Amino acid sequence: MKILTYIKIGVTVIVIVLLIVGFFWLKNLTKNDHIDFGPDEEIGITPTQIQSIKAIGEWEFLSVSAEELVDTTRRRLLMKDELARIYYGTLRLGVDMHQVKPGWIKASGDSITMTLPAISLLDKDFIDEARTKPFYESGSWSATDREALYKKAYRMMTQHCLTKENLRAAEANGQEQFTNMLQSMGYKHVKVTFEK
């Protein structure tokens, strides 16, 4: 029984001595206000992360709703035929990540630069034909005439919505979204540009 008590006391003394030695060893290491556990690792973007960003596909930065009243007239002998329709559409501006060029993303330390494709119209079929409304119609009009009116509405919406201001707004939104995403991955210095 006494031997067991001596063993317990001996183990306790050894543990206390080890704790004291460990305390002074750590205190000596922290004189420079840090403990070095090995070399600093740079933040590195992995091929998997690059593929994940590219896999997003189309990334929308700005959505513009459009409404156009489009009309046409046709003169006949003593008569005038008129056709007017209201077209609605939503133009989505952004980038297609499958169009990025080699070397589009470069990381160095806590800095990263990204060059994205130019802002473009993501969906060419943006007119919602289900919402198209006849405004005024007189005379008889063929399917070809209606198609010509549709194409005129398409051109007008494109002209009114793909403005420099909207393209700049889409770029600003894109820069903000990608900057936030890359900063959440640990990068402090982020530069996002678009091809022209």
C-alpha atoms as a PDB file:
ATOM      1  CA  MET A   1       0.000   0.000   0.000  1.00  0.00           C
ATOM      2  CA  LYS A   2       2.880   2.354   0.889  1.00  0.00           C
ATOM      3  CA  ILE A   3       4.586   1.575  -2.406  1.00  0.00           C
ATOM      4  CA  LEU A   4       1.424   2.535  -4.288  1.00  0.00           C
ATOM      5  CA  THR A   5       1.262   5.837  -2.376  1.00  0.00           C
ATOM      6  CA  TYR A   6       4.912   6.562  -3.191  1.00  0.00           C
ATOM      7  CA  ILE A   7       4.283   5.835  -6.868  1.00  0.00           C
ATOM      8  CA  LYS A   8       1.299   8.222  -6.904  1.00  0.00           C
ATOM      9  CA  ILE A   9       3.357  10.941  -5.197  1.00  0.00           C
ATOM     10  CA  GLY A  10       6.244  10.356  -7.626  1.00  0.00           C
ATOM     11  CA  VAL A  11       3.983  10.575 -10.685  1.00  0.00           C
ATOM     12  CA  THR A  12       2.374  13.763  -9.316  1.00  0.00           C
ATOM     13  CA  VAL A  13       5.794  15.351  -8.742  1.00  0.00           C
ATOM     14  CA  ILE A  14       6.921  14.411 -12.268  1.00  0.00           C
ATOM     15  CA  VAL A  15       3.716  15.889 -13.794  1.00  0.00           C
ATOM     16  CA  ILE A  16       4.181  19.122 -11.796  1.00  0.00           C
ATOM     17  CA  VAL A  17       7.846  19.383 -12.845  1.00  0.00           C
ATOM     18  CA  LEU A  18       6.872  18.810 -16.502  1.00  0.00           C
ATOM     19  CA  LEU A  19       4.183  21.494 -16.269  1.00  0.00           C
ATOM     20  CA  ILE A  20       6.631  24.006 -14.793  1.00  0.00           C
ATOM     21  CA  VAL A  21       9.284  23.209 -17.419  1.00  0.00           C
ATOM     22  CA  GLY A  22       6.638  23.472 -20.192  1.00  0.00           C
ATOM     23  CA  PHE A  23       5.436  26.825 -18.837  1.00  0.00           C
ATOM     24  CA  PHE A  24       8.941  28.320 -18.869  1.00  0.00           C
ATOM     25  CA  TRP A  25       9.660  26.847 -22.300  1.00  0.00           C
ATOM     26  CA  LEU A  26       6.523  28.460 -23.743  1.00  0.00           C
ATOM     27  CA  LYS A  27       7.269  31.732 -21.960  1.00  0.00           C
ATOM     28  CA  ASN A  28      10.746  31.745 -23.506  1.00  0.00           C
ATOM     29  CA  LEU A  29       9.288  31.104 -26.984  1.00  0.00           C
ATOM     30  CA  THR A  30       6.800  33.951 -26.678  1.00  0.00           C
ATOM     31  CA  LYS A  31       9.359  36.636 -25.827  1.00  0.00           C
ATOM     32  CA  ASN A  32       9.017  37.796 -29.446  1.00  0.00           C
ATOM     33  CA  ASP A  33       5.204  37.890 -29.016  1.00  0.00           C
ATOM     34  CA  HIS A  34       4.598  34.949 -31.317  1.00  0.00           C
ATOM     35  CA  ILE A  35       4.953  31.216 -31.550  1.00  0.00           C
ATOM     36  CA  ASP A  36       6.202  29.992 -34.884  1.00  0.00           C
ATOM     37  CA  PHE A  37       4.548  26.723 -35.892  1.00  0.00           C
ATOM     38  CA  GLY A  38       6.211  26.560 -39.288  1.00  0.00           C
ATOM     39  CA  PRO A  39       6.512  28.566 -42.487  1.00  0.00           C
ATOM     40  CA  ASP A  40       3.719  30.953 -43.450  1.00  0.00           C
ATOM     41  CA  GLU A  41       1.582  29.494 -46.194  1.00  0.00           C
ATOM     42  CA  GLU A  42       0.423  31.728 -49.015  1.00  0.00           C
ATOM     43  CA  ILE A  43      -3.221  31.730 -49.893  1.00  0.00           C
ATOM     44  CA  GLY A  44      -3.416  29.742 -53.057  1.00  0.00           C
ATOM     45  CA  ILE A  45      -6.374  29.385 -55.359  1.00  0.00           C
ATOM     46  CA  THR A  46      -6.665  25.750 -56.320  1.00  0.00           C
ATOM     47  CA  PRO A  47      -7.611  24.354 -59.714  1.00  0.00           C
ATOM     48  CA  THR A  48     -10.786  23.034 -58.088  1.00  0.00           C
ATOM     49  CA  GLN A  49     -11.753  26.531 -56.930  1.00  0.00           C
ATOM     50  CA  ILE A  50     -11.049  27.926 -60.407  1.00  0.00           C
ATOM     51  CA  GLN A  51     -13.243  25.225 -61.943  1.00  0.00           C
ATOM     52  CA  SER A  52     -15.990  25.985 -59.416  1.00  0.00           C
ATOM     53  CA  ILE A  53     -15.970  29.660 -60.399  1.00  0.00           C
ATOM     54  CA  LYS A  54     -16.041  28.774 -64.111  1.00  0.00           C
ATOM     55  CA  ALA A  55     -18.798  26.215 -63.538  1.00  0.00           C
ATOM     56  CA  ILE A  56     -21.119  29.022 -62.474  1.00  0.00           C
ATOM     57  CA  GLY A  57     -21.611  29.559 -66.196  1.00  0.00           C
ATOM     58  CA  GLU A  58     -23.547  32.741 -66.815  1.00  0.00           C
ATOM     59  CA  TRP A  59     -23.264  35.309 -64.056  1.00  0.00           C
ATOM     60  CA  GLU A  60     -25.921  38.045 -64.189  1.00  0.00           C
ATOM     61  CA  PHE A  61     -24.959  41.487 -62.896  1.00  0.00           C
ATOM     62  CA  LEU A  62     -27.849  43.640 -64.096  1.00  0.00           C
ATOM     63  CA  SER A  63     -31.409  42.978 -65.209  1.00  0.00           C
ATOM     64  CA  VAL A  64     -33.197  45.656 -67.244  1.00  0.00           C
ATOM     65  CA  SER A  65     -36.963  45.541 -67.814  1.00  0.00           C
ATOM     66  CA  ALA A  66     -38.157  47.008 -71.083  1.00  0.00           C
ATOM     67  CA  GLU A  67     -41.491  47.990 -72.550  1.00  0.00           C
ATOM     68  CA  GLU A  68     -41.821  49.208 -76.133  1.00  0.00           C
ATOM     69  CA  LEU A  69     -44.827  50.407 -78.099  1.00  0.00           C
ATOM     70  CA  VAL A  70     -44.070  49.553 -81.715  1.00  0.00           C
ATOM     71  CA  ASP A  71     -46.208  50.425 -84.706  1.00  0.00           C
ATOM     72  CA  THR A  72     -46.252  50.290 -88.447  1.00  0.00           C
ATOM     73  CA  THR A  73     -48.549  51.645 -91.137  1.00  0.00           C
ATOM     74  CA  ARG A  74     -49.282  50.629 -94.678  1.00  0.00           C
ATOM     75  CA  ARG A  75     -51.015  52.875 -97.181  1.00  0.00           C
ATOM     76  CA  ARG A  76     -53.401  51.476 -99.710  1.00  0.00           C
ATOM     77  CA  LEU A  77     -55.620  53.251-102.196  1.00  0.00           C
ATOM     78  CA  LEU A  78     -57.761  55.589-100.034  1.00  0.00           C
ATOM     79  CA  MET A  79     -57.026  53.531 -96.874  1.00  0.00           C
ATOM     80  CA  LYS A  80     -54.364  53.204 -94.241  1.00  0.00           C
ATOM     81  CA  ASP A  81     -53.713  49.972 -92.317  1.00  0.00           C
ATOM     82  CA  GLU A  82     -52.163  50.318 -88.864  1.00  0.00           C
ATOM     83  CA  LEU A  83     -50.643  47.790 -86.490  1.00  0.00           C
ATOM     84  CA  ALA A  84     -49.388  48.674 -83.024  1.00  0.00           C
ATOM     85  CA  ARG A  85     -48.313  46.297 -80.263  1.00  0.00           C
ATOM     86  CA  ILE A  86     -46.751  46.615 -76.824  1.00  0.00           C
ATOM     87  CA  TYR A  87     -43.773  44.346 -76.227  1.00  0.00           C
ATOM     88  CA  TYR A  88     -42.247  43.484 -72.840  1.00  0.00           C
ATOM     89  CA  GLY A  89     -38.847  42.034 -72.167  1.00  0.00           C
ATOM     90  CA  THR A  90     -36.091  41.591 -69.614  1.00  0.00           C
ATOM     91  CA  LEU A  91     -32.520  42.020 -70.752  1.00  0.00           C
ATOM     92  CA  ARG A  92     -29.971  40.276 -68.529  1.00  0.00           C
ATOM     93  CA  LEU A  93     -26.447  41.680 -68.613  1.00  0.00           C
ATOM     94  CA  GLY A  94     -23.455  39.758 -67.297  1.00  0.00           C
ATOM     95  CA  VAL A  95     -20.640  37.420 -68.257  1.00  0.00           C
ATOM     96  CA  ASP A  96     -20.414  33.867 -69.502  1.00  0.00           C
ATOM     97  CA  MET A  97     -17.669  32.248 -67.416  1.00  0.00           C
ATOM     98  CA  HIS A  98     -17.087  29.660 -70.146  1.00  0.00           C
ATOM     99  CA  GLN A  99     -15.592  32.461 -72.274  1.00  0.00           C
ATOM    100  CA  VAL A 100     -12.719  33.299 -69.903  1.00  0.00           C
ATOM    101  CA  LYS A 101      -9.288  33.284 -71.554  1.00  0.00           C
ATOM    102  CA  PRO A 102      -6.205  31.384 -70.316  1.00  0.00           C
ATOM    103  CA  GLY A 103      -4.525  33.189 -67.424  1.00  0.00           C
ATOM    104  CA  TRP A 104      -7.767  34.989 -66.496  1.00  0.00           C
ATOM    105  CA  ILE A 105      -7.063  34.559 -62.774  1.00  0.00           C
ATOM    106  CA  LYS A 106      -3.707  35.118 -61.054  1.00  0.00           C
ATOM    107  CA  ALA A 107      -2.976  34.914 -57.335  1.00  0.00           C
ATOM    108  CA  SER A 108       0.133  35.964 -55.452  1.00  0.00           C
ATOM    109  CA  GLY A 109       0.198  35.971 -51.663  1.00  0.00           C
ATOM    110  CA  ASP A 110      -2.864  37.814 -50.419  1.00  0.00           C
ATOM    111  CA  SER A 111      -3.450  39.489 -53.815  1.00  0.00           C
ATOM    112  CA  ILE A 112      -5.493  38.246 -56.743  1.00  0.00           C
ATOM    113  CA  THR A 113      -6.364  39.656 -60.152  1.00  0.00           C
ATOM    114  CA  MET A 114      -9.188  38.474 -62.363  1.00  0.00           C
ATOM    115  CA  THR A 115      -9.959  39.415 -65.970  1.00  0.00           C
ATOM    116  CA  LEU A 116     -13.515  38.558 -66.962  1.00  0.00           C
ATOM    117  CA  PRO A 117     -15.106  38.518 -70.426  1.00  0.00           C
ATOM    118  CA  ALA A 118     -16.779  41.724 -71.572  1.00  0.00           C
ATOM    119  CA  ILE A 119     -20.282  42.386 -70.258  1.00  0.00           C
ATOM    120  CA  SER A 120     -22.813  41.114 -72.773  1.00  0.00           C
ATOM    121  CA  LEU A 121     -26.449  40.191 -73.225  1.00  0.00           C
ATOM    122  CA  LEU A 122     -26.832  36.742 -71.642  1.00  0.00           C
ATOM    123  CA  ASP A 123     -30.115  35.754 -73.273  1.00  0.00           C
ATOM    124  CA  LYS A 124     -30.806  36.767 -76.874  1.00  0.00           C
ATOM    125  CA  ASP A 125     -34.445  35.701 -76.583  1.00  0.00           C
ATOM    126  CA  PHE A 126     -35.483  38.360 -74.063  1.00  0.00           C
ATOM    127  CA  ILE A 127     -38.908  39.431 -75.375  1.00  0.00           C
ATOM    128  CA  ASP A 128     -41.758  37.824 -73.441  1.00  0.00           C
ATOM    129  CA  GLU A 129     -44.176  37.043 -76.250  1.00  0.00           C
ATOM    130  CA  ALA A 130     -46.821  35.800 -73.808  1.00  0.00           C
ATOM    131  CA  ARG A 131     -47.100  39.343 -72.432  1.00  0.00           C
ATOM    132  CA  THR A 132     -47.167  41.058 -75.838  1.00  0.00           C
ATOM    133  CA  LYS A 133     -50.396  43.038 -76.189  1.00  0.00           C
ATOM    134  CA  PRO A 134     -52.114  44.361 -79.289  1.00  0.00           C
ATOM    135  CA  PHE A 135     -52.540  48.122 -78.941  1.00  0.00           C
ATOM    136  CA  TYR A 136     -54.245  48.967 -82.202  1.00  0.00           C
ATOM    137  CA  GLU A 137     -54.904  47.030 -85.370  1.00  0.00           C
ATOM    138  CA  SER A 138     -56.721  47.908 -88.568  1.00  0.00           C
ATOM    139  CA  GLY A 139     -56.578  46.080 -91.873  1.00  0.00           C
ATOM    140  CA  SER A 140     -55.136  42.626 -92.390  1.00  0.00           C
ATOM    141  CA  TRP A 141     -51.592  41.735 -91.399  1.00  0.00           C
ATOM    142  CA  SER A 142     -49.643  38.584 -92.194  1.00  0.00           C
ATOM    143  CA  ALA A 143     -47.334  36.558 -89.952  1.00  0.00           C
ATOM    144  CA  THR A 144     -44.403  38.113 -91.849  1.00  0.00           C
ATOM    145  CA  ASP A 145     -45.651  41.604 -90.966  1.00  0.00           C
ATOM    146  CA  ARG A 146     -45.954  40.655 -87.293  1.00  0.00           C
ATOM    147  CA  GLU A 147     -42.438  39.155 -87.366  1.00  0.00           C
ATOM    148  CA  ALA A 148     -41.086  42.415 -88.813  1.00  0.00           C
ATOM    149  CA  LEU A 149     -42.782  44.326 -85.974  1.00  0.00           C
ATOM    150  CA  TYR A 150     -41.233  41.903 -83.440  1.00  0.00           C
ATOM    151  CA  LYS A 151     -37.766  42.487 -84.923  1.00  0.00           C
ATOM    152  CA  LYS A 152     -38.313  46.251 -84.740  1.00  0.00           C
ATOM    153  CA  ALA A 153     -39.234  45.916 -81.031  1.00  0.00           C
ATOM    154  CA  TYR A 154     -36.114  43.783 -80.498  1.00  0.00           C
ATOM    155  CA  ARG A 155     -33.858  46.439 -82.049  1.00  0.00           C
ATOM    156  CA  MET A 156     -35.504  49.217 -80.026  1.00  0.00           C
ATOM    157  CA  MET A 157     -35.144  47.346 -76.709  1.00  0.00           C
ATOM    158  CA  THR A 158     -31.526  46.529 -77.457  1.00  0.00           C
ATOM    159  CA  GLN A 159     -30.793  50.150 -78.335  1.00  0.00           C
ATOM    160  CA  HIS A 160     -32.565  51.551 -75.260  1.00  0.00           C
ATOM    161  CA  CYS A 161     -31.196  49.036 -72.751  1.00  0.00           C
ATOM    162  CA  LEU A 162     -27.637  48.256 -73.862  1.00  0.00           C
ATOM    163  CA  THR A 163     -26.448  51.741 -73.019  1.00  0.00           C
ATOM    164  CA  LYS A 164     -23.000  52.710 -71.739  1.00  0.00           C
ATOM    165  CA  GLU A 165     -24.572  53.557 -68.368  1.00  0.00           C
ATOM    166  CA  ASN A 166     -26.155  50.101 -68.008  1.00  0.00           C
ATOM    167  CA  LEU A 167     -22.955  48.361 -69.114  1.00  0.00           C
ATOM    168  CA  ARG A 168     -20.958  50.385 -66.548  1.00  0.00           C
ATOM    169  CA  ALA A 169     -23.522  49.564 -63.833  1.00  0.00           C
ATOM    170  CA  ALA A 170     -23.254  45.849 -64.692  1.00  0.00           C
ATOM    171  CA  GLU A 171     -19.435  46.048 -64.494  1.00  0.00           C
ATOM    172  CA  ALA A 172     -19.607  47.786 -61.098  1.00  0.00           C
ATOM    173  CA  ASN A 173     -21.997  45.109 -59.781  1.00  0.00           C
ATOM    174  CA  GLY A 174     -19.739  42.375 -61.167  1.00  0.00           C
ATOM    175  CA  GLN A 175     -16.632  43.867 -59.559  1.00  0.00           C
ATOM    176  CA  GLU A 176     -18.431  44.096 -56.221  1.00  0.00           C
ATOM    177  CA  GLN A 177     -19.760  40.519 -56.356  1.00  0.00           C
ATOM    178  CA  PHE A 178     -16.416  38.975 -57.325  1.00  0.00           C
ATOM    179  CA  THR A 179     -14.477  41.143 -54.851  1.00  0.00           C
ATOM    180  CA  ASN A 180     -16.747  40.018 -52.003  1.00  0.00           C
ATOM    181  CA  MET A 181     -16.418  36.377 -53.038  1.00  0.00           C
ATOM    182  CA  LEU A 182     -12.610  36.497 -53.300  1.00  0.00           C
ATOM    183  CA  GLN A 183     -12.227  38.421 -50.033  1.00  0.00           C
ATOM    184  CA  SER A 184     -14.321  35.760 -48.309  1.00  0.00           C
ATOM    185  CA  MET A 185     -11.743  33.249 -49.626  1.00  0.00           C
ATOM    186  CA  GLY A 186      -9.010  35.179 -47.769  1.00  0.00           C
ATOM    187  CA  TYR A 187      -7.629  37.568 -50.383  1.00  0.00           C
ATOM    188  CA  LYS A 188      -7.102  41.115 -49.119  1.00  0.00           C
ATOM    189  CA  HIS A 189      -6.159  42.799 -52.400  1.00  0.00           C
ATOM    190  CA  VAL A 190      -8.573  42.018 -55.209  1.00  0.00           C
ATOM    191  CA  LYS A 191      -8.578  43.519 -58.702  1.00  0.00           C
ATOM    192  CA  VAL A 192     -11.386  42.598 -61.074  1.00  0.00           C
ATOM    193  CA  THR A 193     -11.375  43.906 -64.649  1.00  0.00           C
ATOM    194  CA  PHE A 194     -13.406  43.192 -67.765  1.00  0.00           C
ATOM    195  CA  GLU A 195     -12.244  42.701 -71.324  1.00  0.00           C
ATOM    196  CA  LYS A 196     -13.295  45.480 -73.662  1.00  0.00           C
END
